Protein backbone atom coordinates (compact mmCIF):
# COMPACT_ATOMS: atom_id res chain seq x y z
CA UNK A 1 -40.22 161.44 -49.64
CA UNK A 2 -40.12 160.68 -53.38
CA UNK A 3 -36.85 161.01 -55.28
CA UNK A 4 -36.61 163.41 -58.19
CA UNK A 5 -37.41 161.72 -61.49
CA UNK A 6 -34.46 160.88 -63.73
CA UNK A 7 -33.97 162.52 -67.12
CA UNK A 8 -34.97 159.26 -68.80
CA UNK A 9 -38.23 158.96 -66.86
CA UNK A 10 -39.06 162.61 -67.62
CA UNK A 11 -38.54 161.93 -71.33
CA UNK A 12 -40.53 158.69 -71.24
CA UNK A 13 -43.26 159.26 -68.62
CA UNK A 14 -45.43 156.29 -67.72
CA UNK A 15 -49.20 156.28 -67.59
CA UNK A 16 -51.99 155.46 -70.01
CA UNK A 17 -53.18 159.08 -70.25
CA UNK A 18 -49.64 160.39 -70.75
CA UNK A 19 -49.12 157.94 -73.62
CA UNK A 20 -52.66 157.84 -74.95
CA UNK A 21 -51.81 157.93 -78.67
CA UNK A 22 -49.26 155.13 -78.53
CA UNK A 23 -51.42 153.12 -76.14
CA UNK A 24 -54.34 153.41 -78.59
CA UNK A 25 -52.16 152.28 -81.50
CA UNK A 26 -51.07 149.21 -79.53
CA UNK A 27 -54.72 148.54 -78.71
CA UNK A 28 -55.53 148.61 -82.43
CA UNK A 29 -52.67 146.21 -83.06
CA UNK A 30 -53.97 143.66 -80.56
CA UNK A 31 -57.46 143.97 -82.07
CA UNK A 32 -56.00 142.88 -85.41
CA UNK A 33 -54.11 140.07 -83.65
CA UNK A 34 -57.38 138.79 -82.16
CA UNK A 35 -59.15 138.95 -85.51
CA UNK A 36 -56.51 136.72 -87.10
CA UNK A 37 -56.75 134.18 -84.28
CA UNK A 38 -60.55 134.22 -84.11
CA UNK A 39 -61.13 133.58 -87.83
CA UNK A 40 -60.31 129.88 -87.31
CA UNK A 41 -62.36 129.17 -84.21
CA UNK A 42 -65.72 128.46 -85.79
CA UNK A 43 -64.65 127.47 -89.28
CA UNK A 44 -61.69 125.08 -89.05
CA UNK A 45 -63.13 122.36 -86.74
CA UNK A 46 -66.20 122.13 -88.98
CA UNK A 47 -64.02 121.73 -92.12
CA UNK A 48 -62.83 118.26 -91.12
CA UNK A 49 -65.20 116.58 -93.59
CA UNK A 50 -63.50 118.45 -96.46
CA UNK A 51 -60.31 116.54 -95.74
CA UNK A 52 -61.83 113.12 -95.13
CA UNK A 53 -61.39 113.20 -91.36
CA UNK A 54 -63.67 110.82 -89.50
CA UNK A 55 -66.04 112.45 -87.05
CA UNK A 56 -64.30 110.38 -84.35
CA UNK A 57 -60.69 111.26 -85.31
CA UNK A 58 -60.44 113.54 -82.27
CA UNK A 59 -56.67 113.39 -81.77
CA UNK A 60 -55.83 114.15 -85.39
CA UNK A 61 -58.42 116.93 -85.40
CA UNK A 62 -56.72 118.47 -82.36
CA UNK A 63 -53.31 118.31 -84.04
CA UNK A 64 -53.68 121.78 -85.59
CA UNK A 65 -53.96 123.29 -82.10
CA UNK A 66 -51.04 121.18 -80.86
CA UNK A 67 -48.79 122.59 -83.61
CA UNK A 68 -50.01 126.10 -82.85
CA UNK A 69 -49.41 125.76 -79.11
CA UNK A 70 -45.94 124.25 -79.38
CA UNK A 71 -44.70 126.93 -81.75
CA UNK A 72 -46.40 129.83 -79.97
CA UNK A 73 -45.16 128.68 -76.58
CA UNK A 74 -41.52 128.40 -77.62
CA UNK A 75 -41.54 131.65 -79.59
CA UNK A 76 -43.22 133.56 -76.75
CA UNK A 77 -40.02 132.95 -74.80
CA UNK A 78 -37.87 133.87 -77.81
CA UNK A 79 -39.93 136.99 -78.52
CA UNK A 80 -39.76 138.23 -74.94
CA UNK A 81 -35.99 137.83 -74.71
CA UNK A 82 -35.48 139.22 -78.23
CA UNK A 83 -37.58 142.29 -77.52
CA UNK A 84 -35.36 143.23 -74.57
CA UNK A 85 -32.42 143.33 -77.00
CA UNK A 86 -33.72 144.57 -80.38
CA UNK A 87 -36.93 146.34 -79.36
CA UNK A 88 -40.66 145.62 -79.33
CA UNK A 89 -41.64 147.12 -82.70
CA UNK A 90 -39.21 145.07 -84.78
CA UNK A 91 -40.49 141.81 -83.29
CA UNK A 92 -44.08 142.96 -83.85
CA UNK A 93 -43.31 143.60 -87.54
CA UNK A 94 -41.77 140.14 -87.94
CA UNK A 95 -44.89 138.64 -86.43
CA UNK A 96 -47.15 140.23 -89.04
CA UNK A 97 -44.91 139.01 -91.86
CA UNK A 98 -45.25 135.48 -90.47
CA UNK A 99 -49.03 135.77 -90.75
CA UNK A 100 -49.08 136.11 -94.53
CA UNK A 101 -48.71 132.34 -95.36
CA UNK A 102 -51.63 131.36 -93.06
CA UNK A 103 -54.60 132.09 -95.36
CA UNK A 104 -52.69 130.90 -98.43
CA UNK A 105 -51.97 127.49 -96.89
CA UNK A 106 -55.59 127.07 -95.76
CA UNK A 107 -56.97 128.19 -99.12
CA UNK A 108 -54.84 125.76 -101.16
CA UNK A 109 -54.82 122.92 -98.59
CA UNK A 110 -55.28 119.46 -100.19
CA UNK A 111 -55.17 117.69 -96.80
CA UNK A 112 -55.18 118.33 -93.06
CA UNK A 113 -51.36 118.50 -92.88
CA UNK A 114 -51.52 121.86 -94.66
CA UNK A 115 -53.85 123.10 -91.90
CA UNK A 116 -51.30 121.98 -89.34
CA UNK A 117 -48.58 123.86 -91.27
CA UNK A 118 -50.77 126.98 -91.40
CA UNK A 119 -51.09 126.86 -87.64
CA UNK A 120 -47.34 126.70 -87.24
CA UNK A 121 -47.26 130.13 -88.91
CA UNK A 122 -50.21 131.22 -86.77
CA UNK A 123 -48.15 130.28 -83.71
CA UNK A 124 -45.26 132.44 -84.92
CA UNK A 125 -47.62 135.30 -85.68
CA UNK A 126 -49.40 135.20 -82.34
CA UNK A 127 -46.22 134.74 -80.30
CA UNK A 128 -44.51 137.75 -81.82
CA UNK A 129 -47.50 140.08 -82.17
CA UNK A 130 -49.59 139.50 -79.04
CA UNK A 131 -46.53 139.22 -76.79
CA UNK A 132 -45.25 142.54 -78.08
CA UNK A 133 -48.55 144.40 -77.73
CA UNK A 134 -49.05 143.40 -74.10
CA UNK A 135 -45.40 144.04 -73.21
CA UNK A 136 -45.55 147.45 -74.91
CA UNK A 137 -48.72 148.45 -73.10
CA UNK A 138 -47.22 147.41 -69.76
CA UNK A 139 -44.14 149.52 -70.62
CA UNK A 140 -46.32 152.55 -71.32
CA UNK A 141 -48.68 152.18 -68.36
CA UNK A 142 -46.30 151.76 -65.44
CA UNK A 143 -46.79 149.75 -62.26
CA UNK A 144 -49.89 151.54 -60.95
CA UNK A 145 -51.97 150.85 -64.07
CA UNK A 146 -50.47 147.49 -65.01
CA UNK A 147 -53.67 145.51 -64.43
CA UNK A 148 -55.73 148.03 -66.40
CA UNK A 149 -53.23 147.92 -69.28
CA UNK A 150 -53.28 144.14 -69.46
CA UNK A 151 -57.07 144.15 -69.12
CA UNK A 152 -57.48 146.54 -72.06
CA UNK A 153 -55.03 144.51 -74.15
CA UNK A 154 -56.68 141.17 -73.50
CA UNK A 155 -60.15 142.71 -73.75
CA UNK A 156 -59.62 144.09 -77.22
CA UNK A 157 -57.87 140.93 -78.34
CA UNK A 158 -60.63 138.60 -77.21
CA UNK A 159 -63.46 140.87 -78.33
CA UNK A 160 -61.82 140.56 -81.74
CA UNK A 161 -61.55 136.77 -81.36
CA UNK A 162 -65.29 136.58 -80.62
CA UNK A 163 -66.30 138.93 -83.41
CA UNK A 164 -64.10 137.10 -85.92
CA UNK A 165 -65.44 133.71 -84.87
CA UNK A 166 -69.03 134.87 -85.25
CA UNK A 167 -68.42 136.88 -88.42
CA UNK A 168 -66.49 134.18 -90.26
CA UNK A 169 -69.22 131.71 -89.35
CA UNK A 170 -71.76 133.78 -91.27
CA UNK A 171 -69.34 134.51 -94.12
CA UNK A 172 -68.43 130.84 -94.47
CA UNK A 173 -72.11 130.01 -95.04
CA UNK A 174 -72.27 132.62 -97.81
CA UNK A 175 -68.87 132.27 -99.51
CA UNK A 176 -67.37 129.02 -98.25
CA UNK A 177 -64.70 128.62 -95.54
CA UNK A 178 -61.64 128.86 -97.79
CA UNK A 179 -62.56 132.13 -99.53
CA UNK A 180 -63.71 133.56 -96.19
CA UNK A 181 -60.40 132.90 -94.46
CA UNK A 182 -58.34 134.06 -97.45
CA UNK A 183 -60.06 137.43 -97.83
CA UNK A 184 -60.51 138.07 -94.12
CA UNK A 185 -56.91 137.29 -93.13
CA UNK A 186 -55.21 139.23 -95.91
CA UNK A 187 -57.31 142.31 -95.17
CA UNK A 188 -56.50 142.14 -91.43
CA UNK A 189 -52.75 141.76 -92.05
CA UNK A 190 -52.70 144.65 -94.53
CA UNK A 191 -54.47 146.97 -92.07
CA UNK A 192 -52.15 145.94 -89.21
CA UNK A 193 -49.01 146.63 -91.24
CA UNK A 194 -50.38 150.00 -92.33
CA UNK A 195 -51.15 151.01 -88.72
CA UNK A 196 -47.69 149.85 -87.62
CA UNK A 197 -46.14 152.83 -89.42
CA UNK A 198 -47.20 155.13 -86.55
CA UNK A 199 -46.25 152.77 -83.68
CA UNK A 200 -43.18 153.71 -81.59
CA UNK A 201 -40.90 151.20 -79.92
CA UNK A 202 -41.60 151.12 -76.16
CA UNK A 203 -38.29 149.59 -75.03
CA UNK A 204 -37.05 153.07 -73.98
CA UNK A 205 -39.97 153.29 -71.50
CA UNK A 206 -38.91 150.01 -69.87
CA UNK A 207 -35.28 151.17 -69.74
CA UNK A 208 -36.33 154.47 -68.17
CA UNK A 209 -38.39 152.62 -65.55
CA UNK A 210 -35.39 150.45 -64.74
CA UNK A 211 -33.18 153.52 -64.29
CA UNK A 212 -35.79 155.13 -62.06
CA UNK A 213 -36.03 151.99 -59.90
CA UNK A 214 -32.28 151.79 -59.52
CA UNK A 215 -32.00 155.49 -58.73
CA UNK A 216 -34.79 155.77 -56.15
CA UNK A 217 -35.56 152.26 -54.92
CA UNK A 218 -33.58 149.28 -53.65
CA UNK A 219 -32.90 146.78 -56.39
CA UNK A 220 -35.36 143.92 -56.67
CA UNK A 221 -33.72 140.93 -54.95
CA UNK A 222 -33.50 139.12 -58.25
CA UNK A 223 -32.67 142.13 -60.44
CA UNK A 224 -28.87 141.99 -60.54
CA UNK A 225 -28.79 138.21 -60.78
CA UNK A 226 -31.39 137.90 -63.54
CA UNK A 227 -29.50 140.31 -65.81
CA UNK A 228 -26.48 137.98 -65.65
CA UNK A 229 -28.44 134.76 -66.10
CA UNK A 230 -28.42 132.83 -69.32
CA UNK A 231 -31.72 132.24 -71.05
CA UNK A 232 -31.76 128.67 -69.76
CA UNK A 233 -31.04 129.71 -66.16
CA UNK A 234 -33.85 132.24 -66.31
CA UNK A 235 -36.19 129.65 -67.79
CA UNK A 236 -35.43 127.13 -65.05
CA UNK A 237 -35.78 129.69 -62.26
CA UNK A 238 -39.10 131.10 -63.48
CA UNK A 239 -40.55 127.73 -64.50
CA UNK A 240 -39.52 125.53 -61.58
CA UNK A 241 -37.50 127.10 -58.76
CA UNK A 242 -39.52 130.15 -57.75
CA UNK A 243 -42.78 128.96 -56.16
CA UNK A 244 -44.77 132.08 -57.13
CA UNK A 245 -43.66 132.08 -60.76
CA UNK A 246 -44.22 128.30 -60.93
CA UNK A 247 -47.77 128.48 -59.62
CA UNK A 248 -48.71 131.35 -61.95
CA UNK A 249 -47.21 129.49 -64.93
CA UNK A 250 -49.28 126.37 -64.25
CA UNK A 251 -52.37 128.59 -63.96
CA UNK A 252 -51.61 129.84 -67.45
CA UNK A 253 -51.39 126.26 -68.72
CA UNK A 254 -54.73 125.36 -67.13
CA UNK A 255 -56.65 128.26 -68.67
CA UNK A 256 -55.29 127.40 -72.12
CA UNK A 257 -56.41 123.79 -71.69
CA UNK A 258 -59.89 125.23 -71.17
CA UNK A 259 -59.52 127.46 -74.22
CA UNK A 260 -58.40 124.44 -76.28
CA UNK A 261 -61.63 122.72 -75.30
CA UNK A 262 -63.62 125.68 -76.65
CA UNK A 263 -61.54 125.84 -79.82
CA UNK A 264 -61.47 122.14 -80.73
CA UNK A 265 -63.87 119.97 -78.76
CA UNK A 266 -66.91 122.15 -78.12
CA UNK A 267 -67.65 122.80 -81.82
CA UNK A 268 -67.56 119.02 -82.37
CA UNK A 269 -69.65 118.42 -79.24
CA UNK A 270 -72.31 120.93 -80.32
CA UNK A 271 -72.24 119.56 -83.87
CA UNK A 272 -73.02 116.09 -82.48
CA UNK A 273 -76.03 117.67 -80.75
CA UNK A 274 -77.37 119.07 -84.02
CA UNK A 275 -76.22 122.70 -83.81
CA UNK A 276 -75.25 124.43 -87.07
CA UNK A 277 -72.13 126.48 -87.77
CA UNK A 278 -73.88 129.80 -87.02
CA UNK A 279 -75.25 128.52 -83.68
CA UNK A 280 -71.80 127.20 -82.76
CA UNK A 281 -70.38 130.60 -83.65
CA UNK A 282 -72.84 132.29 -81.29
CA UNK A 283 -71.97 129.98 -78.38
CA UNK A 284 -68.19 130.17 -78.73
CA UNK A 285 -68.41 133.84 -79.72
CA UNK A 286 -70.37 134.73 -76.58
CA UNK A 287 -67.64 133.11 -74.48
CA UNK A 288 -64.91 135.12 -76.21
CA UNK A 289 -66.83 138.42 -76.25
CA UNK A 290 -67.85 138.26 -72.57
CA UNK A 291 -64.24 137.39 -71.79
CA UNK A 292 -63.08 140.35 -73.83
CA UNK A 293 -65.58 142.98 -72.71
CA UNK A 294 -65.30 142.20 -69.02
CA UNK A 295 -61.52 142.57 -69.03
CA UNK A 296 -61.98 146.34 -69.33
CA UNK A 297 -63.22 146.09 -65.75
CA UNK A 298 -61.39 143.08 -64.28
CA UNK A 299 -57.87 144.34 -64.93
CA UNK A 300 -58.63 147.69 -63.27
CA UNK A 301 -60.40 145.88 -60.42
CA UNK A 302 -57.19 143.99 -59.64
CA UNK A 303 -55.24 147.27 -59.50
CA UNK A 304 -57.56 148.20 -56.61
CA UNK A 305 -58.18 144.94 -54.71
CA UNK A 306 -55.13 142.89 -55.64
CA UNK A 307 -54.61 140.02 -58.07
CA UNK A 308 -55.34 136.91 -56.03
CA UNK A 309 -59.08 137.25 -55.36
CA UNK A 310 -59.96 137.96 -59.03
CA UNK A 311 -57.76 135.07 -60.19
CA UNK A 312 -59.34 132.55 -57.83
CA UNK A 313 -62.86 133.85 -58.52
CA UNK A 314 -62.17 133.47 -62.23
CA UNK A 315 -61.11 129.86 -61.89
CA UNK A 316 -64.25 129.13 -59.87
CA UNK A 317 -66.54 130.63 -62.54
CA UNK A 318 -64.63 128.93 -65.35
CA UNK A 319 -65.09 125.56 -63.66
CA UNK A 320 -68.77 126.29 -62.99
CA UNK A 321 -69.35 127.18 -66.64
CA UNK A 322 -67.65 123.97 -67.80
CA UNK A 323 -69.89 121.90 -65.54
CA UNK A 324 -72.88 123.77 -66.94
CA UNK A 325 -71.87 122.99 -70.54
CA UNK A 326 -71.71 119.30 -69.66
CA UNK A 327 -75.04 119.18 -67.84
CA UNK A 328 -77.35 121.23 -70.08
CA UNK A 329 -78.59 120.34 -73.58
CA UNK A 330 -80.18 123.46 -75.01
CA UNK A 331 -78.83 126.32 -77.13
CA UNK A 332 -79.85 129.12 -74.73
CA UNK A 333 -78.44 127.25 -71.73
CA UNK A 334 -75.17 126.63 -73.55
CA UNK A 335 -74.99 130.34 -74.36
CA UNK A 336 -75.40 131.17 -70.64
CA UNK A 337 -72.81 128.61 -69.55
CA UNK A 338 -70.37 129.91 -72.18
CA UNK A 339 -70.89 133.46 -70.88
CA UNK A 340 -70.10 132.29 -67.33
CA UNK A 341 -66.90 130.71 -68.67
CA UNK A 342 -66.07 133.98 -70.39
CA UNK A 343 -66.56 135.96 -67.17
CA UNK A 344 -64.28 133.53 -65.37
CA UNK A 345 -61.59 133.93 -68.00
CA UNK A 346 -61.95 137.71 -67.81
CA UNK A 347 -61.20 137.63 -64.08
CA UNK A 348 -58.24 135.28 -64.19
CA UNK A 349 -56.58 135.82 -67.56
CA UNK A 350 -55.26 139.41 -67.44
CA UNK A 351 -54.49 139.16 -63.75
CA UNK A 352 -52.23 136.12 -64.07
CA UNK A 353 -49.96 138.08 -66.41
CA UNK A 354 -50.32 141.25 -64.29
CA UNK A 355 -49.18 139.23 -61.26
CA UNK A 356 -46.15 138.02 -63.21
CA UNK A 357 -45.38 141.61 -64.24
CA UNK A 358 -45.70 142.70 -60.59
CA UNK A 359 -42.82 140.47 -59.50
CA UNK A 360 -40.66 140.67 -62.66
CA UNK A 361 -37.76 143.19 -62.60
CA UNK A 362 -38.24 145.90 -65.25
CA UNK A 363 -34.87 145.19 -66.87
CA UNK A 364 -35.86 141.62 -67.73
CA UNK A 365 -39.64 142.03 -67.93
CA UNK A 366 -39.82 140.96 -71.57
CA UNK A 367 -37.89 137.77 -70.83
CA UNK A 368 -39.90 136.91 -67.70
CA UNK A 369 -43.26 137.51 -69.37
CA UNK A 370 -42.00 135.53 -72.35
CA UNK A 371 -41.34 132.52 -70.11
CA UNK A 372 -44.79 132.81 -68.55
CA UNK A 373 -46.36 133.06 -71.99
CA UNK A 374 -44.29 130.06 -73.10
CA UNK A 375 -45.97 127.92 -70.47
CA UNK A 376 -49.38 129.50 -70.88
CA UNK A 377 -49.54 128.94 -74.62
CA UNK A 378 -47.86 125.56 -74.51
CA UNK A 379 -51.11 124.81 -72.69
CA UNK A 380 -52.68 124.67 -76.16
CA UNK A 381 -50.38 121.79 -77.09
CA UNK A 382 -50.85 120.09 -73.73
CA UNK A 383 -54.61 120.61 -74.01
CA UNK A 384 -54.73 119.31 -77.57
CA UNK A 385 -52.88 116.12 -76.66
CA UNK A 386 -54.72 115.62 -73.37
CA UNK A 387 -58.22 116.34 -74.62
CA UNK A 388 -57.70 114.78 -78.05
CA UNK A 389 -56.34 111.62 -76.44
CA UNK A 390 -59.17 111.50 -73.90
CA UNK A 391 -61.83 111.97 -76.58
CA UNK A 392 -60.17 109.34 -78.78
CA UNK A 393 -60.06 106.85 -75.89
CA UNK A 394 -63.68 107.52 -74.86
CA UNK A 395 -64.88 107.96 -78.48
CA UNK A 396 -66.83 111.02 -77.30
CA UNK A 397 -66.29 114.69 -76.58
CA UNK A 398 -68.27 114.89 -73.32
CA UNK A 399 -65.56 113.37 -71.06
CA UNK A 400 -63.15 116.11 -72.15
CA UNK A 401 -65.45 118.74 -70.64
CA UNK A 402 -65.38 117.01 -67.25
CA UNK A 403 -61.61 116.51 -67.52
CA UNK A 404 -61.09 120.21 -68.22
CA UNK A 405 -63.26 121.17 -65.23
CA UNK A 406 -61.02 119.00 -63.06
CA UNK A 407 -57.86 120.64 -64.41
CA UNK A 408 -59.13 124.17 -63.71
CA UNK A 409 -60.28 123.26 -60.20
CA UNK A 410 -56.90 121.74 -59.27
CA UNK A 411 -55.09 124.76 -60.73
CA UNK A 412 -57.11 127.12 -58.54
CA UNK A 413 -56.23 125.15 -55.41
CA UNK A 414 -52.53 125.27 -56.33
CA UNK A 415 -52.59 129.06 -56.72
CA UNK A 416 -54.59 129.52 -53.50
CA UNK A 417 -51.94 127.61 -51.54
CA UNK A 418 -48.75 128.79 -53.27
CA UNK A 419 -49.19 132.46 -54.23
CA UNK A 420 -49.10 135.47 -51.93
CA UNK A 421 -50.67 138.73 -53.07
CA UNK A 422 -48.31 140.30 -55.66
CA UNK A 423 -49.88 143.79 -55.76
CA UNK A 424 -49.26 145.33 -52.32
CA UNK A 425 -51.53 147.84 -50.60
CA UNK A 426 -49.02 150.67 -51.09
CA UNK A 427 -49.32 150.28 -54.85
CA UNK A 428 -53.10 149.98 -54.81
CA UNK A 429 -53.59 153.26 -52.93
CA UNK A 430 -52.34 155.21 -55.95
CA UNK A 431 -53.91 153.03 -58.59
CA UNK A 432 -56.91 155.18 -59.33
């Protein structure tokens, strides 16, 4: 028999339909977040000649992603913990303010170090904005639609990444990369700040859920303890001591190593094979757009069948697509392989974070997801160093594709052995 809802849960009801206006506003916010991230993906790696970088300076080329990943990873953790104390909307606003220097630094950059500095600000922007949108949508949706909420969030974000990568590729041919990034980024930030006026803070929804859990359900085994933990104790427990959290965190690292390959090494690899900036934009854009579009389905799928099968299927397809990229040497075949990679990412990406949200107590959800996102996005820095170093040592980009395929395959095996299903049958029965 269900307990009567508390006054707080009646005031802040959970469900996407019940919160459709606020959910749509958060969806618009993450679309803008994806546009700002995607504007660099086609243009920046092909700008290396403007700064005198050798075509074989792989490690230095990757440095802009390393700076992005280190900053974004650390501030994901900060943002998650901060949002549990000061609210989601305030952190989201700070993130958009941090985005303003990005296009200015790129536009006026006299050397590659300015690009690295711009990506430090991009890391701040992405950590604060994307973390807040996904946390807010989870707050609004509730446990039964958590996978769908994350799927919509990541879908809209990565559709925007793909569209921005493709669109800025065309615009860069017409107007040059610097003017393209300057105009594109400032317009996106202005629209995001304008839309933010109507966004409500969703922390009260998370607090109401916590009260409802405490009033009608036994406390999560970790709930009382995690509220008393220091940030460092929480970080150690989620990162290393809990085997489920640990396995999901390393899965996040592995998928960002693969995304680093697409961001940094594949444009160089395709350039070596004679593809132009527009063709590169189509290949990397197809990966991001398939990833984005399919997440409308894959997150909801996991609400019905559980998280583990989609996650493992996604890692398999991601690895298969990477092998395909390495073996084929034709534009159409690369497009197909990139689409397979995108489908794999669509299956695994939203469901890794949904699995973390399944096992995280509501009272410390922001902090727990922040730790996961710390490790996931530090994967950019790890990937930049690993792949940049490997390419520098081999003096070629091809070995990095095989190395990334190995990383994703090992990650899948780890999750298969270490993680039990996090979305139980009792939750799935009401998910529709």
